[in-house]
Amino acid sequence: MVRLLCPACQEMMRPVELGEVTVDECRFCDGLWLDRDEPEQLAKMDILGKHLLQPINFDDSKKKKSQGERICPRCEKALRVYKHNDVEVDICGTCRGMFLDRWELQKLLQ
């Protein structure tokens, strides 16, 4: 299994089991990386609720300006910042993986 670098702090992330799904967590900044299908899998198991299952508008006109370029740990492309349920999340336009900072995840689950 490939260990991923955290897009926020560049530390190695570790795989964590959430039910039957393995996600990547940064133990330094508490960020969470979700691969393309993982939000849907977690929502089906009601682990993170249905909040992450709602569609994200990938229209580039809705894209927010990032405060510093974060890189996708899977394909090494720049992450884009999108607003999702009033929370700004980092999403890879290529592989559609999603990075959530600790506070972003908490806001999505409220």
PDB file of N, CA and C in Angstrom:
ATOM      1  N   MET A   1       0.838  -1.184   0.000  1.00  0.00           N
ATOM      2  CA  MET A   1       0.000   0.000   0.000  1.00  0.00           C
ATOM      3  C   MET A   1       0.884   1.249   0.000  1.00  0.00           C
ATOM      4  N   VAL A   2       0.560   2.179  -0.851  1.00  0.00           N
ATOM      5  CA  VAL A   2       1.326   3.415  -0.974  1.00  0.00           C
ATOM      6  C   VAL A   2       0.902   4.380   0.128  1.00  0.00           C
ATOM      7  N   ARG A   3       1.880   4.945   0.824  1.00  0.00           N
ATOM      8  CA  ARG A   3       1.591   5.968   1.835  1.00  0.00           C
ATOM      9  C   ARG A   3       1.533   7.315   1.137  1.00  0.00           C
ATOM     10  N   LEU A   4       0.534   8.095   1.466  1.00  0.00           N
ATOM     11  CA  LEU A   4       0.311   9.376   0.812  1.00  0.00           C
ATOM     12  C   LEU A   4       0.831  10.528   1.654  1.00  0.00           C
ATOM     13  N   LEU A   5       1.248  11.599   0.974  1.00  0.00           N
ATOM     14  CA  LEU A   5       1.647  12.823   1.668  1.00  0.00           C
ATOM     15  C   LEU A   5       0.423  13.705   1.864  1.00  0.00           C
ATOM     16  N   CYS A   6       0.288  14.242   3.060  1.00  0.00           N
ATOM     17  CA  CYS A   6      -0.821  15.133   3.379  1.00  0.00           C
ATOM     18  C   CYS A   6      -0.718  16.408   2.536  1.00  0.00           C
ATOM     19  N   PRO A   7      -1.794  16.794   1.859  1.00  0.00           N
ATOM     20  CA  PRO A   7      -1.761  18.020   1.066  1.00  0.00           C
ATOM     21  C   PRO A   7      -1.579  19.284   1.910  1.00  0.00           C
ATOM     22  N   ALA A   8      -1.945  19.231   3.183  1.00  0.00           N
ATOM     23  CA  ALA A   8      -1.873  20.420   4.037  1.00  0.00           C
ATOM     24  C   ALA A   8      -0.504  20.614   4.669  1.00  0.00           C
ATOM     25  N   CYS A   9       0.073  19.537   5.219  1.00  0.00           N
ATOM     26  CA  CYS A   9       1.319  19.705   5.986  1.00  0.00           C
ATOM     27  C   CYS A   9       2.491  18.882   5.450  1.00  0.00           C
ATOM     28  N   GLN A  10       2.267  18.110   4.399  1.00  0.00           N
ATOM     29  CA  GLN A  10       3.306  17.304   3.738  1.00  0.00           C
ATOM     30  C   GLN A  10       3.854  16.163   4.596  1.00  0.00           C
ATOM     31  N   GLU A  11       3.165  15.801   5.668  1.00  0.00           N
ATOM     32  CA  GLU A  11       3.554  14.638   6.468  1.00  0.00           C
ATOM     33  C   GLU A  11       2.908  13.394   5.870  1.00  0.00           C
ATOM     34  N   MET A  12       3.463  12.234   6.205  1.00  0.00           N
ATOM     35  CA  MET A  12       2.889  10.977   5.716  1.00  0.00           C
ATOM     36  C   MET A  12       1.537  10.736   6.379  1.00  0.00           C
ATOM     37  N   MET A  13       0.563  10.371   5.564  1.00  0.00           N
ATOM     38  CA  MET A  13      -0.743  10.021   6.104  1.00  0.00           C
ATOM     39  C   MET A  13      -0.767   8.516   6.348  1.00  0.00           C
ATOM     40  N   ARG A  14      -1.690   8.109   7.200  1.00  0.00           N
ATOM     41  CA  ARG A  14      -1.797   6.683   7.524  1.00  0.00           C
ATOM     42  C   ARG A  14      -3.187   6.183   7.146  1.00  0.00           C
ATOM     43  N   PRO A  15      -3.272   4.937   6.719  1.00  0.00           N
ATOM     44  CA  PRO A  15      -4.581   4.372   6.402  1.00  0.00           C
ATOM     45  C   PRO A  15      -5.365   4.117   7.688  1.00  0.00           C
ATOM     46  N   VAL A  16      -6.648   4.446   7.650  1.00  0.00           N
ATOM     47  CA  VAL A  16      -7.531   4.261   8.801  1.00  0.00           C
ATOM     48  C   VAL A  16      -8.805   3.593   8.303  1.00  0.00           C
ATOM     49  N   GLU A  17      -9.247   2.591   9.022  1.00  0.00           N
ATOM     50  CA  GLU A  17     -10.472   1.880   8.667  1.00  0.00           C
ATOM     51  C   GLU A  17     -11.676   2.607   9.255  1.00  0.00           C
ATOM     52  N   LEU A  18     -12.608   2.982   8.394  1.00  0.00           N
ATOM     53  CA  LEU A  18     -13.903   3.508   8.822  1.00  0.00           C
ATOM     54  C   LEU A  18     -14.936   2.520   8.309  1.00  0.00           C
ATOM     55  N   GLY A  19     -15.343   1.618   9.171  1.00  0.00           N
ATOM     56  CA  GLY A  19     -16.206   0.541   8.711  1.00  0.00           C
ATOM     57  C   GLY A  19     -15.426  -0.329   7.752  1.00  0.00           C
ATOM     58  N   GLU A  20     -15.960  -0.507   6.551  1.00  0.00           N
ATOM     59  CA  GLU A  20     -15.303  -1.334   5.535  1.00  0.00           C
ATOM     60  C   GLU A  20     -14.468  -0.510   4.560  1.00  0.00           C
ATOM     61  N   VAL A  21     -14.350   0.783   4.806  1.00  0.00           N
ATOM     62  CA  VAL A  21     -13.642   1.681   3.894  1.00  0.00           C
ATOM     63  C   VAL A  21     -12.337   2.138   4.538  1.00  0.00           C
ATOM     64  N   THR A  22     -11.271   2.105   3.765  1.00  0.00           N
ATOM     65  CA  THR A  22      -9.981   2.599   4.241  1.00  0.00           C
ATOM     66  C   THR A  22      -9.761   3.989   3.667  1.00  0.00           C
ATOM     67  N   VAL A  23      -9.644   4.974   4.563  1.00  0.00           N
ATOM     68  CA  VAL A  23      -9.356   6.352   4.158  1.00  0.00           C
ATOM     69  C   VAL A  23      -7.955   6.690   4.655  1.00  0.00           C
ATOM     70  N   ASP A  24      -7.454   7.842   4.277  1.00  0.00           N
ATOM     71  CA  ASP A  24      -6.114   8.258   4.692  1.00  0.00           C
ATOM     72  C   ASP A  24      -6.233   9.457   5.614  1.00  0.00           C
ATOM     73  N   GLU A  25      -5.579   9.360   6.772  1.00  0.00           N
ATOM     74  CA  GLU A  25      -5.668  10.393   7.798  1.00  0.00           C
ATOM     75  C   GLU A  25      -4.274  10.907   8.131  1.00  0.00           C
ATOM     76  N   CYS A  26      -4.173  12.209   8.334  1.00  0.00           N
ATOM     77  CA  CYS A  26      -2.917  12.795   8.775  1.00  0.00           C
ATOM     78  C   CYS A  26      -2.952  12.912  10.294  1.00  0.00           C
ATOM     79  N   ARG A  27      -2.025  12.274  10.958  1.00  0.00           N
ATOM     80  CA  ARG A  27      -2.026  12.321  12.419  1.00  0.00           C
ATOM     81  C   ARG A  27      -1.425  13.615  12.951  1.00  0.00           C
ATOM     82  N   PHE A  28      -0.868  14.429  12.066  1.00  0.00           N
ATOM     83  CA  PHE A  28      -0.274  15.698  12.491  1.00  0.00           C
ATOM     84  C   PHE A  28      -1.292  16.837  12.449  1.00  0.00           C
ATOM     85  N   CYS A  29      -2.061  16.926  11.358  1.00  0.00           N
ATOM     86  CA  CYS A  29      -3.021  18.034  11.237  1.00  0.00           C
ATOM     87  C   CYS A  29      -4.476  17.559  11.266  1.00  0.00           C
ATOM     88  N   ASP A  30      -4.694  16.247  11.398  1.00  0.00           N
ATOM     89  CA  ASP A  30      -6.033  15.645  11.433  1.00  0.00           C
ATOM     90  C   ASP A  30      -6.804  15.803  10.127  1.00  0.00           C
ATOM     91  N   GLY A  31      -6.104  16.048   9.026  1.00  0.00           N
ATOM     92  CA  GLY A  31      -6.760  16.103   7.728  1.00  0.00           C
ATOM     93  C   GLY A  31      -7.160  14.702   7.279  1.00  0.00           C
ATOM     94  N   LEU A  32      -8.089  14.641   6.336  1.00  0.00           N
ATOM     95  CA  LEU A  32      -8.612  13.361   5.873  1.00  0.00           C
ATOM     96  C   LEU A  32      -8.678  13.373   4.349  1.00  0.00           C
ATOM     97  N   TRP A  33      -8.093  12.354   3.716  1.00  0.00           N
ATOM     98  CA  TRP A  33      -8.155  12.210   2.265  1.00  0.00           C
ATOM     99  C   TRP A  33      -9.160  11.125   1.925  1.00  0.00           C
ATOM    100  N   LEU A  34     -10.110  11.461   1.051  1.00  0.00           N
ATOM    101  CA  LEU A  34     -11.105  10.507   0.582  1.00  0.00           C
ATOM    102  C   LEU A  34     -10.939  10.342  -0.922  1.00  0.00           C
ATOM    103  N   ASP A  35     -10.728   9.108  -1.365  1.00  0.00           N
ATOM    104  CA  ASP A  35     -10.663   8.840  -2.796  1.00  0.00           C
ATOM    105  C   ASP A  35     -12.064   8.980  -3.393  1.00  0.00           C
ATOM    106  N   ARG A  36     -12.130   9.015  -4.694  1.00  0.00           N
ATOM    107  CA  ARG A  36     -13.349   9.353  -5.435  1.00  0.00           C
ATOM    108  C   ARG A  36     -14.627   8.687  -4.917  1.00  0.00           C
ATOM    109  N   ASP A  37     -14.639   7.398  -4.705  1.00  0.00           N
ATOM    110  CA  ASP A  37     -15.859   6.685  -4.328  1.00  0.00           C
ATOM    111  C   ASP A  37     -16.058   6.554  -2.823  1.00  0.00           C
ATOM    112  N   GLU A  38     -15.093   6.959  -2.044  1.00  0.00           N
ATOM    113  CA  GLU A  38     -15.186   6.751  -0.593  1.00  0.00           C
ATOM    114  C   GLU A  38     -16.283   7.567   0.091  1.00  0.00           C
ATOM    115  N   PRO A  39     -16.551   8.829  -0.292  1.00  0.00           N
ATOM    116  CA  PRO A  39     -17.662   9.527   0.365  1.00  0.00           C
ATOM    117  C   PRO A  39     -18.989   8.789   0.208  1.00  0.00           C
ATOM    118  N   GLU A  40     -19.244   8.266  -0.990  1.00  0.00           N
ATOM    119  CA  GLU A  40     -20.484   7.528  -1.229  1.00  0.00           C
ATOM    120  C   GLU A  40     -20.524   6.242  -0.404  1.00  0.00           C
ATOM    121  N   GLN A  41     -19.408   5.522  -0.337  1.00  0.00           N
ATOM    122  CA  GLN A  41     -19.356   4.290   0.453  1.00  0.00           C
ATOM    123  C   GLN A  41     -19.600   4.581   1.932  1.00  0.00           C
ATOM    124  N   LEU A  42     -18.999   5.651   2.443  1.00  0.00           N
ATOM    125  CA  LEU A  42     -19.175   6.011   3.850  1.00  0.00           C
ATOM    126  C   LEU A  42     -20.603   6.463   4.130  1.00  0.00           C
ATOM    127  N   ALA A  43     -21.201   7.171   3.189  1.00  0.00           N
ATOM    128  CA  ALA A  43     -22.581   7.623   3.365  1.00  0.00           C
ATOM    129  C   ALA A  43     -23.540   6.435   3.403  1.00  0.00           C
ATOM    130  N   LYS A  44     -23.289   5.439   2.562  1.00  0.00           N
ATOM    131  CA  LYS A  44     -24.143   4.249   2.550  1.00  0.00           C
ATOM    132  C   LYS A  44     -24.074   3.506   3.876  1.00  0.00           C
ATOM    133  N   MET A  45     -22.918   3.548   4.530  1.00  0.00           N
ATOM    134  CA  MET A  45     -22.766   2.887   5.828  1.00  0.00           C
ATOM    135  C   MET A  45     -23.165   3.815   6.968  1.00  0.00           C
ATOM    136  N   ASP A  46     -23.581   5.037   6.621  1.00  0.00           N
ATOM    137  CA  ASP A  46     -23.985   6.053   7.593  1.00  0.00           C
ATOM    138  C   ASP A  46     -22.875   6.374   8.588  1.00  0.00           C
ATOM    139  N   ILE A  47     -21.619   6.318   8.118  1.00  0.00           N
ATOM    140  CA  ILE A  47     -20.490   6.646   8.986  1.00  0.00           C
ATOM    141  C   ILE A  47     -20.277   8.149   9.030  1.00  0.00           C
ATOM    142  N   LEU A  48     -20.344   8.799   7.898  1.00  0.00           N
ATOM    143  CA  LEU A  48     -20.197  10.255   7.866  1.00  0.00           C
ATOM    144  C   LEU A  48     -21.511  10.930   7.503  1.00  0.00           C
ATOM    145  N   GLY A  49     -22.599  10.209   7.583  1.00  0.00           N
ATOM    146  CA  GLY A  49     -23.869  10.810   7.206  1.00  0.00           C
ATOM    147  C   GLY A  49     -23.957  10.980   5.699  1.00  0.00           C
ATOM    148  N   LYS A  50     -24.975  11.669   5.257  1.00  0.00           N
ATOM    149  CA  LYS A  50     -25.229  11.853   3.826  1.00  0.00           C
ATOM    150  C   LYS A  50     -24.621  13.150   3.298  1.00  0.00           C
ATOM    151  N   HIS A  51     -23.978  13.942   4.147  1.00  0.00           N
ATOM    152  CA  HIS A  51     -23.503  15.270   3.759  1.00  0.00           C
ATOM    153  C   HIS A  51     -22.509  15.234   2.605  1.00  0.00           C
ATOM    154  N   LEU A  52     -21.616  14.263   2.590  1.00  0.00           N
ATOM    155  CA  LEU A  52     -20.591  14.215   1.546  1.00  0.00           C
ATOM    156  C   LEU A  52     -21.108  13.604   0.254  1.00  0.00           C
ATOM    157  N   LEU A  53     -22.319  13.071   0.291  1.00  0.00           N
ATOM    158  CA  LEU A  53     -22.880  12.427  -0.891  1.00  0.00           C
ATOM    159  C   LEU A  53     -23.555  13.433  -1.821  1.00  0.00           C
ATOM    160  N   GLN A  54     -23.885  14.608  -1.301  1.00  0.00           N
ATOM    161  CA  GLN A  54     -24.545  15.614  -2.125  1.00  0.00           C
ATOM    162  C   GLN A  54     -23.601  16.047  -3.243  1.00  0.00           C
ATOM    163  N   PRO A  55     -24.140  16.294  -4.423  1.00  0.00           N
ATOM    164  CA  PRO A  55     -23.283  16.637  -5.562  1.00  0.00           C
ATOM    165  C   PRO A  55     -22.492  17.921  -5.334  1.00  0.00           C
ATOM    166  N   ILE A  56     -21.291  17.926  -5.841  1.00  0.00           N
ATOM    167  CA  ILE A  56     -20.437  19.103  -5.780  1.00  0.00           C
ATOM    168  C   ILE A  56     -20.440  19.738  -7.164  1.00  0.00           C
ATOM    169  N   ASN A  57     -20.626  21.040  -7.218  1.00  0.00           N
ATOM    170  CA  ASN A  57     -20.629  21.764  -8.479  1.00  0.00           C
ATOM    171  C   ASN A  57     -19.185  22.004  -8.904  1.00  0.00           C
ATOM    172  N   PHE A  58     -18.748  21.316  -9.944  1.00  0.00           N
ATOM    173  CA  PHE A  58     -17.370  21.442 -10.415  1.00  0.00           C
ATOM    174  C   PHE A  58     -17.220  22.526 -11.480  1.00  0.00           C
ATOM    175  N   ASP A  59     -18.201  23.393 -11.606  1.00  0.00           N
ATOM    176  CA  ASP A  59     -18.123  24.519 -12.538  1.00  0.00           C
ATOM    177  C   ASP A  59     -16.972  25.424 -12.108  1.00  0.00           C
ATOM    178  N   ASP A  60     -16.002  25.621 -13.000  1.00  0.00           N
ATOM    179  CA  ASP A  60     -14.829  26.416 -12.644  1.00  0.00           C
ATOM    180  C   ASP A  60     -15.171  27.854 -12.276  1.00  0.00           C
ATOM    181  N   SER A  61     -16.328  28.343 -12.701  1.00  0.00           N
ATOM    182  CA  SER A  61     -16.704  29.695 -12.302  1.00  0.00           C
ATOM    183  C   SER A  61     -17.065  29.743 -10.819  1.00  0.00           C
ATOM    184  N   LYS A  62     -17.344  28.590 -10.218  1.00  0.00           N
ATOM    185  CA  LYS A  62     -17.664  28.506  -8.789  1.00  0.00           C
ATOM    186  C   LYS A  62     -16.434  28.180  -7.953  1.00  0.00           C
ATOM    187  N   LYS A  63     -15.329  27.955  -8.645  1.00  0.00           N
ATOM    188  CA  LYS A  63     -14.095  27.583  -7.955  1.00  0.00           C
ATOM    189  C   LYS A  63     -13.586  28.771  -7.153  1.00  0.00           C
ATOM    190  N   LYS A  64     -13.129  28.494  -5.951  1.00  0.00           N
ATOM    191  CA  LYS A  64     -12.553  29.529  -5.096  1.00  0.00           C
ATOM    192  C   LYS A  64     -11.060  29.610  -5.356  1.00  0.00           C
ATOM    193  N   LYS A  65     -10.504  30.746  -5.073  1.00  0.00           N
ATOM    194  CA  LYS A  65      -9.063  30.916  -5.207  1.00  0.00           C
ATOM    195  C   LYS A  65      -8.403  30.267  -3.995  1.00  0.00           C
ATOM    196  N   SER A  66      -7.443  29.403  -4.217  1.00  0.00           N
ATOM    197  CA  SER A  66      -6.789  28.739  -3.088  1.00  0.00           C
ATOM    198  C   SER A  66      -5.777  29.681  -2.445  1.00  0.00           C
ATOM    199  N   GLN A  67      -5.529  29.443  -1.156  1.00  0.00           N
ATOM    200  CA  GLN A  67      -4.619  30.301  -0.406  1.00  0.00           C
ATOM    201  C   GLN A  67      -3.186  29.821  -0.494  1.00  0.00           C
ATOM    202  N   GLY A  68      -2.947  28.780  -1.132  1.00  0.00           N
ATOM    203  CA  GLY A  68      -1.623  28.203  -1.307  1.00  0.00           C
ATOM    204  C   GLY A  68      -1.850  26.886  -2.006  1.00  0.00           C
ATOM    205  N   GLU A  69      -1.057  26.593  -2.967  1.00  0.00           N
ATOM    206  CA  GLU A  69      -1.340  25.417  -3.771  1.00  0.00           C
ATOM    207  C   GLU A  69      -1.127  24.143  -2.979  1.00  0.00           C
ATOM    208  N   ARG A  70      -2.160  23.342  -2.928  1.00  0.00           N
ATOM    209  CA  ARG A  70      -2.075  22.010  -2.336  1.00  0.00           C
ATOM    210  C   ARG A  70      -2.057  21.014  -3.484  1.00  0.00           C
ATOM    211  N   ILE A  71      -1.321  19.939  -3.275  1.00  0.00           N
ATOM    212  CA  ILE A  71      -1.122  18.952  -4.331  1.00  0.00           C
ATOM    213  C   ILE A  71      -1.848  17.657  -3.978  1.00  0.00           C
ATOM    214  N   CYS A  72      -2.488  17.067  -4.970  1.00  0.00           N
ATOM    215  CA  CYS A  72      -3.184  15.798  -4.786  1.00  0.00           C
ATOM    216  C   CYS A  72      -2.172  14.716  -4.423  1.00  0.00           C
ATOM    217  N   PRO A  73      -2.422  13.971  -3.339  1.00  0.00           N
ATOM    218  CA  PRO A  73      -1.487  12.914  -2.963  1.00  0.00           C
ATOM    219  C   PRO A  73      -1.528  11.704  -3.897  1.00  0.00           C
ATOM    220  N   ARG A  74      -2.557  11.582  -4.708  1.00  0.00           N
ATOM    221  CA  ARG A  74      -2.673  10.453  -5.640  1.00  0.00           C
ATOM    222  C   ARG A  74      -2.025  10.747  -6.991  1.00  0.00           C
ATOM    223  N   CYS A  75      -2.403  11.856  -7.616  1.00  0.00           N
ATOM    224  CA  CYS A  75      -1.927  12.104  -8.986  1.00  0.00           C
ATOM    225  C   CYS A  75      -1.016  13.329  -9.094  1.00  0.00           C
ATOM    226  N   GLU A  76      -0.749  13.967  -7.982  1.00  0.00           N
ATOM    227  CA  GLU A  76       0.202  15.082  -7.898  1.00  0.00           C
ATOM    228  C   GLU A  76      -0.191  16.293  -8.743  1.00  0.00           C
ATOM    229  N   LYS A  77      -1.482  16.474  -8.971  1.00  0.00           N
ATOM    230  CA  LYS A  77      -2.001  17.672  -9.641  1.00  0.00           C
ATOM    231  C   LYS A  77      -2.445  18.662  -8.558  1.00  0.00           C
ATOM    232  N   ALA A  78      -2.561  19.926  -8.932  1.00  0.00           N
ATOM    233  CA  ALA A  78      -3.011  20.941  -7.976  1.00  0.00           C
ATOM    234  C   ALA A  78      -4.467  20.685  -7.587  1.00  0.00           C
ATOM    235  N   LEU A  79      -4.750  20.780  -6.300  1.00  0.00           N
ATOM    236  CA  LEU A  79      -6.122  20.658  -5.818  1.00  0.00           C
ATOM    237  C   LEU A  79      -6.849  21.971  -6.054  1.00  0.00           C
ATOM    238  N   ARG A  80      -8.137  21.871  -6.292  1.00  0.00           N
ATOM    239  CA  ARG A  80      -8.982  23.048  -6.471  1.00  0.00           C
ATOM    240  C   ARG A  80      -9.871  23.186  -5.239  1.00  0.00           C
ATOM    241  N   VAL A  81     -10.176  24.404  -4.875  1.00  0.00           N
ATOM    242  CA  VAL A  81     -11.031  24.649  -3.714  1.00  0.00           C
ATOM    243  C   VAL A  81     -12.442  24.941  -4.213  1.00  0.00           C
ATOM    244  N   TYR A  82     -13.397  24.137  -3.740  1.00  0.00           N
ATOM    245  CA  TYR A  82     -14.798  24.309  -4.095  1.00  0.00           C
ATOM    246  C   TYR A  82     -15.617  24.487  -2.826  1.00  0.00           C
ATOM    247  N   LYS A  83     -16.700  25.217  -2.961  1.00  0.00           N
ATOM    248  CA  LYS A  83     -17.614  25.383  -1.835  1.00  0.00           C
ATOM    249  C   LYS A  83     -18.642  24.261  -1.892  1.00  0.00           C
ATOM    250  N   HIS A  84     -18.804  23.547  -0.787  1.00  0.00           N
ATOM    251  CA  HIS A  84     -19.729  22.420  -0.689  1.00  0.00           C
ATOM    252  C   HIS A  84     -20.466  22.538   0.632  1.00  0.00           C
ATOM    253  N   ASN A  85     -21.770  22.771   0.573  1.00  0.00           N
ATOM    254  CA  ASN A  85     -22.559  22.963   1.800  1.00  0.00           C
ATOM    255  C   ASN A  85     -21.965  24.055   2.680  1.00  0.00           C
ATOM    256  N   ASP A  86     -21.583  25.159   2.077  1.00  0.00           N
ATOM    257  CA  ASP A  86     -20.990  26.313   2.776  1.00  0.00           C
ATOM    258  C   ASP A  86     -19.630  26.021   3.392  1.00  0.00           C
ATOM    259  N   VAL A  87     -18.987  24.952   2.976  1.00  0.00           N
ATOM    260  CA  VAL A  87     -17.646  24.611   3.460  1.00  0.00           C
ATOM    261  C   VAL A  87     -16.738  24.508   2.237  1.00  0.00           C
ATOM    262  N   GLU A  88     -15.564  25.106   2.323  1.00  0.00           N
ATOM    263  CA  GLU A  88     -14.610  25.017   1.220  1.00  0.00           C
ATOM    264  C   GLU A  88     -13.791  23.741   1.367  1.00  0.00           C
ATOM    265  N   VAL A  89     -13.832  22.894   0.336  1.00  0.00           N
ATOM    266  CA  VAL A  89     -13.096  21.632   0.356  1.00  0.00           C
ATOM    267  C   VAL A  89     -12.128  21.596  -0.821  1.00  0.00           C
ATOM    268  N   ASP A  90     -11.033  20.879  -0.648  1.00  0.00           N
ATOM    269  CA  ASP A  90     -10.007  20.735  -1.682  1.00  0.00           C
ATOM    270  C   ASP A  90     -10.298  19.469  -2.478  1.00  0.00           C
ATOM    271  N   ILE A  91     -10.442  19.622  -3.791  1.00  0.00           N
ATOM    272  CA  ILE A  91     -10.792  18.490  -4.638  1.00  0.00           C
ATOM    273  C   ILE A  91      -9.859  18.441  -5.839  1.00  0.00           C
ATOM    274  N   CYS A  92      -9.449  17.239  -6.183  1.00  0.00           N
ATOM    275  CA  CYS A  92      -8.605  17.055  -7.360  1.00  0.00           C
ATOM    276  C   CYS A  92      -9.494  17.002  -8.598  1.00  0.00           C
ATOM    277  N   GLY A  93      -9.230  17.866  -9.552  1.00  0.00           N
ATOM    278  CA  GLY A  93     -10.003  17.883 -10.787  1.00  0.00           C
ATOM    279  C   GLY A  93      -9.731  16.688 -11.678  1.00  0.00           C
ATOM    280  N   THR A  94      -8.648  15.971 -11.411  1.00  0.00           N
ATOM    281  CA  THR A  94      -8.286  14.817 -12.229  1.00  0.00           C
ATOM    282  C   THR A  94      -8.873  13.522 -11.669  1.00  0.00           C
ATOM    283  N   CYS A  95      -8.553  13.193 -10.418  1.00  0.00           N
ATOM    284  CA  CYS A  95      -9.003  11.915  -9.845  1.00  0.00           C
ATOM    285  C   CYS A  95     -10.248  12.059  -8.968  1.00  0.00           C
ATOM    286  N   ARG A  96     -10.680  13.298  -8.717  1.00  0.00           N
ATOM    287  CA  ARG A  96     -11.864  13.607  -7.907  1.00  0.00           C
ATOM    288  C   ARG A  96     -11.736  13.177  -6.448  1.00  0.00           C
ATOM    289  N   GLY A  97     -10.499  13.002  -5.979  1.00  0.00           N
ATOM    290  CA  GLY A  97     -10.285  12.778  -4.556  1.00  0.00           C
ATOM    291  C   GLY A  97     -10.575  14.067  -3.799  1.00  0.00           C
ATOM    292  N   MET A  98     -10.834  13.944  -2.496  1.00  0.00           N
ATOM    293  CA  MET A  98     -11.227  15.092  -1.680  1.00  0.00           C
ATOM    294  C   MET A  98     -10.393  15.144  -0.407  1.00  0.00           C
ATOM    295  N   PHE A  99      -9.850  16.322  -0.102  1.00  0.00           N
ATOM    296  CA  PHE A  99      -9.129  16.514   1.151  1.00  0.00           C
ATOM    297  C   PHE A  99      -9.942  17.426   2.048  1.00  0.00           C
ATOM    298  N   LEU A 100     -10.117  16.985   3.290  1.00  0.00           N
ATOM    299  CA  LEU A 100     -10.853  17.763   4.279  1.00  0.00           C
ATOM    300  C   LEU A 100      -9.929  18.106   5.431  1.00  0.00           C
ATOM    301  N   ASP A 101      -9.797  19.389   5.710  1.00  0.00           N
ATOM    302  CA  ASP A 101      -9.107  19.794   6.926  1.00  0.00           C
ATOM    303  C   ASP A 101      -9.982  19.400   8.109  1.00  0.00           C
ATOM    304  N   ARG A 102      -9.391  19.324   9.281  1.00  0.00           N
ATOM    305  CA  ARG A 102     -10.133  18.899  10.474  1.00  0.00           C
ATOM    306  C   ARG A 102     -11.411  19.720  10.656  1.00  0.00           C
ATOM    307  N   TRP A 103     -11.320  21.025  10.530  1.00  0.00           N
ATOM    308  CA  TRP A 103     -12.489  21.876  10.775  1.00  0.00           C
ATOM    309  C   TRP A 103     -13.519  21.745   9.665  1.00  0.00           C
ATOM    310  N   GLU A 104     -13.075  21.468   8.468  1.00  0.00           N
ATOM    311  CA  GLU A 104     -14.018  21.305   7.358  1.00  0.00           C
ATOM    312  C   GLU A 104     -14.895  20.080   7.572  1.00  0.00           C
ATOM    313  N   LEU A 105     -14.308  18.993   8.016  1.00  0.00           N
ATOM    314  CA  LEU A 105     -15.084  17.784   8.274  1.00  0.00           C
ATOM    315  C   LEU A 105     -16.107  18.037   9.370  1.00  0.00           C
ATOM    316  N   GLN A 106     -15.704  18.692  10.434  1.00  0.00           N
ATOM    317  CA  GLN A 106     -16.637  18.982  11.528  1.00  0.00           C
ATOM    318  C   GLN A 106     -17.793  19.852  11.050  1.00  0.00           C
ATOM    319  N   LYS A 107     -17.511  20.841  10.214  1.00  0.00           N
ATOM    320  CA  LYS A 107     -18.573  21.709   9.694  1.00  0.00           C
ATOM    321  C   LYS A 107     -19.531  20.929   8.799  1.00  0.00           C
ATOM    322  N   LEU A 108     -19.005  20.029   7.977  1.00  0.00           N
ATOM    323  CA  LEU A 108     -19.866  19.237   7.096  1.00  0.00           C
ATOM    324  C   LEU A 108     -20.786  18.315   7.886  1.00  0.00           C
ATOM    325  N   LEU A 109     -20.334  17.865   9.040  1.00  0.00           N
ATOM    326  CA  LEU A 109     -21.122  16.918   9.831  1.00  0.00           C
ATOM    327  C   LEU A 109     -22.128  17.593  10.754  1.00  0.00           C
ATOM    328  N   GLN A 110     -22.079  18.908  10.862  1.00  0.00           N
ATOM    329  CA  GLN A 110     -23.028  19.618  11.741  1.00  0.00           C
ATOM    330  C   GLN A 110     -24.406  19.646  11.143  1.00  0.00           C
TER     331      GLN A 110
END
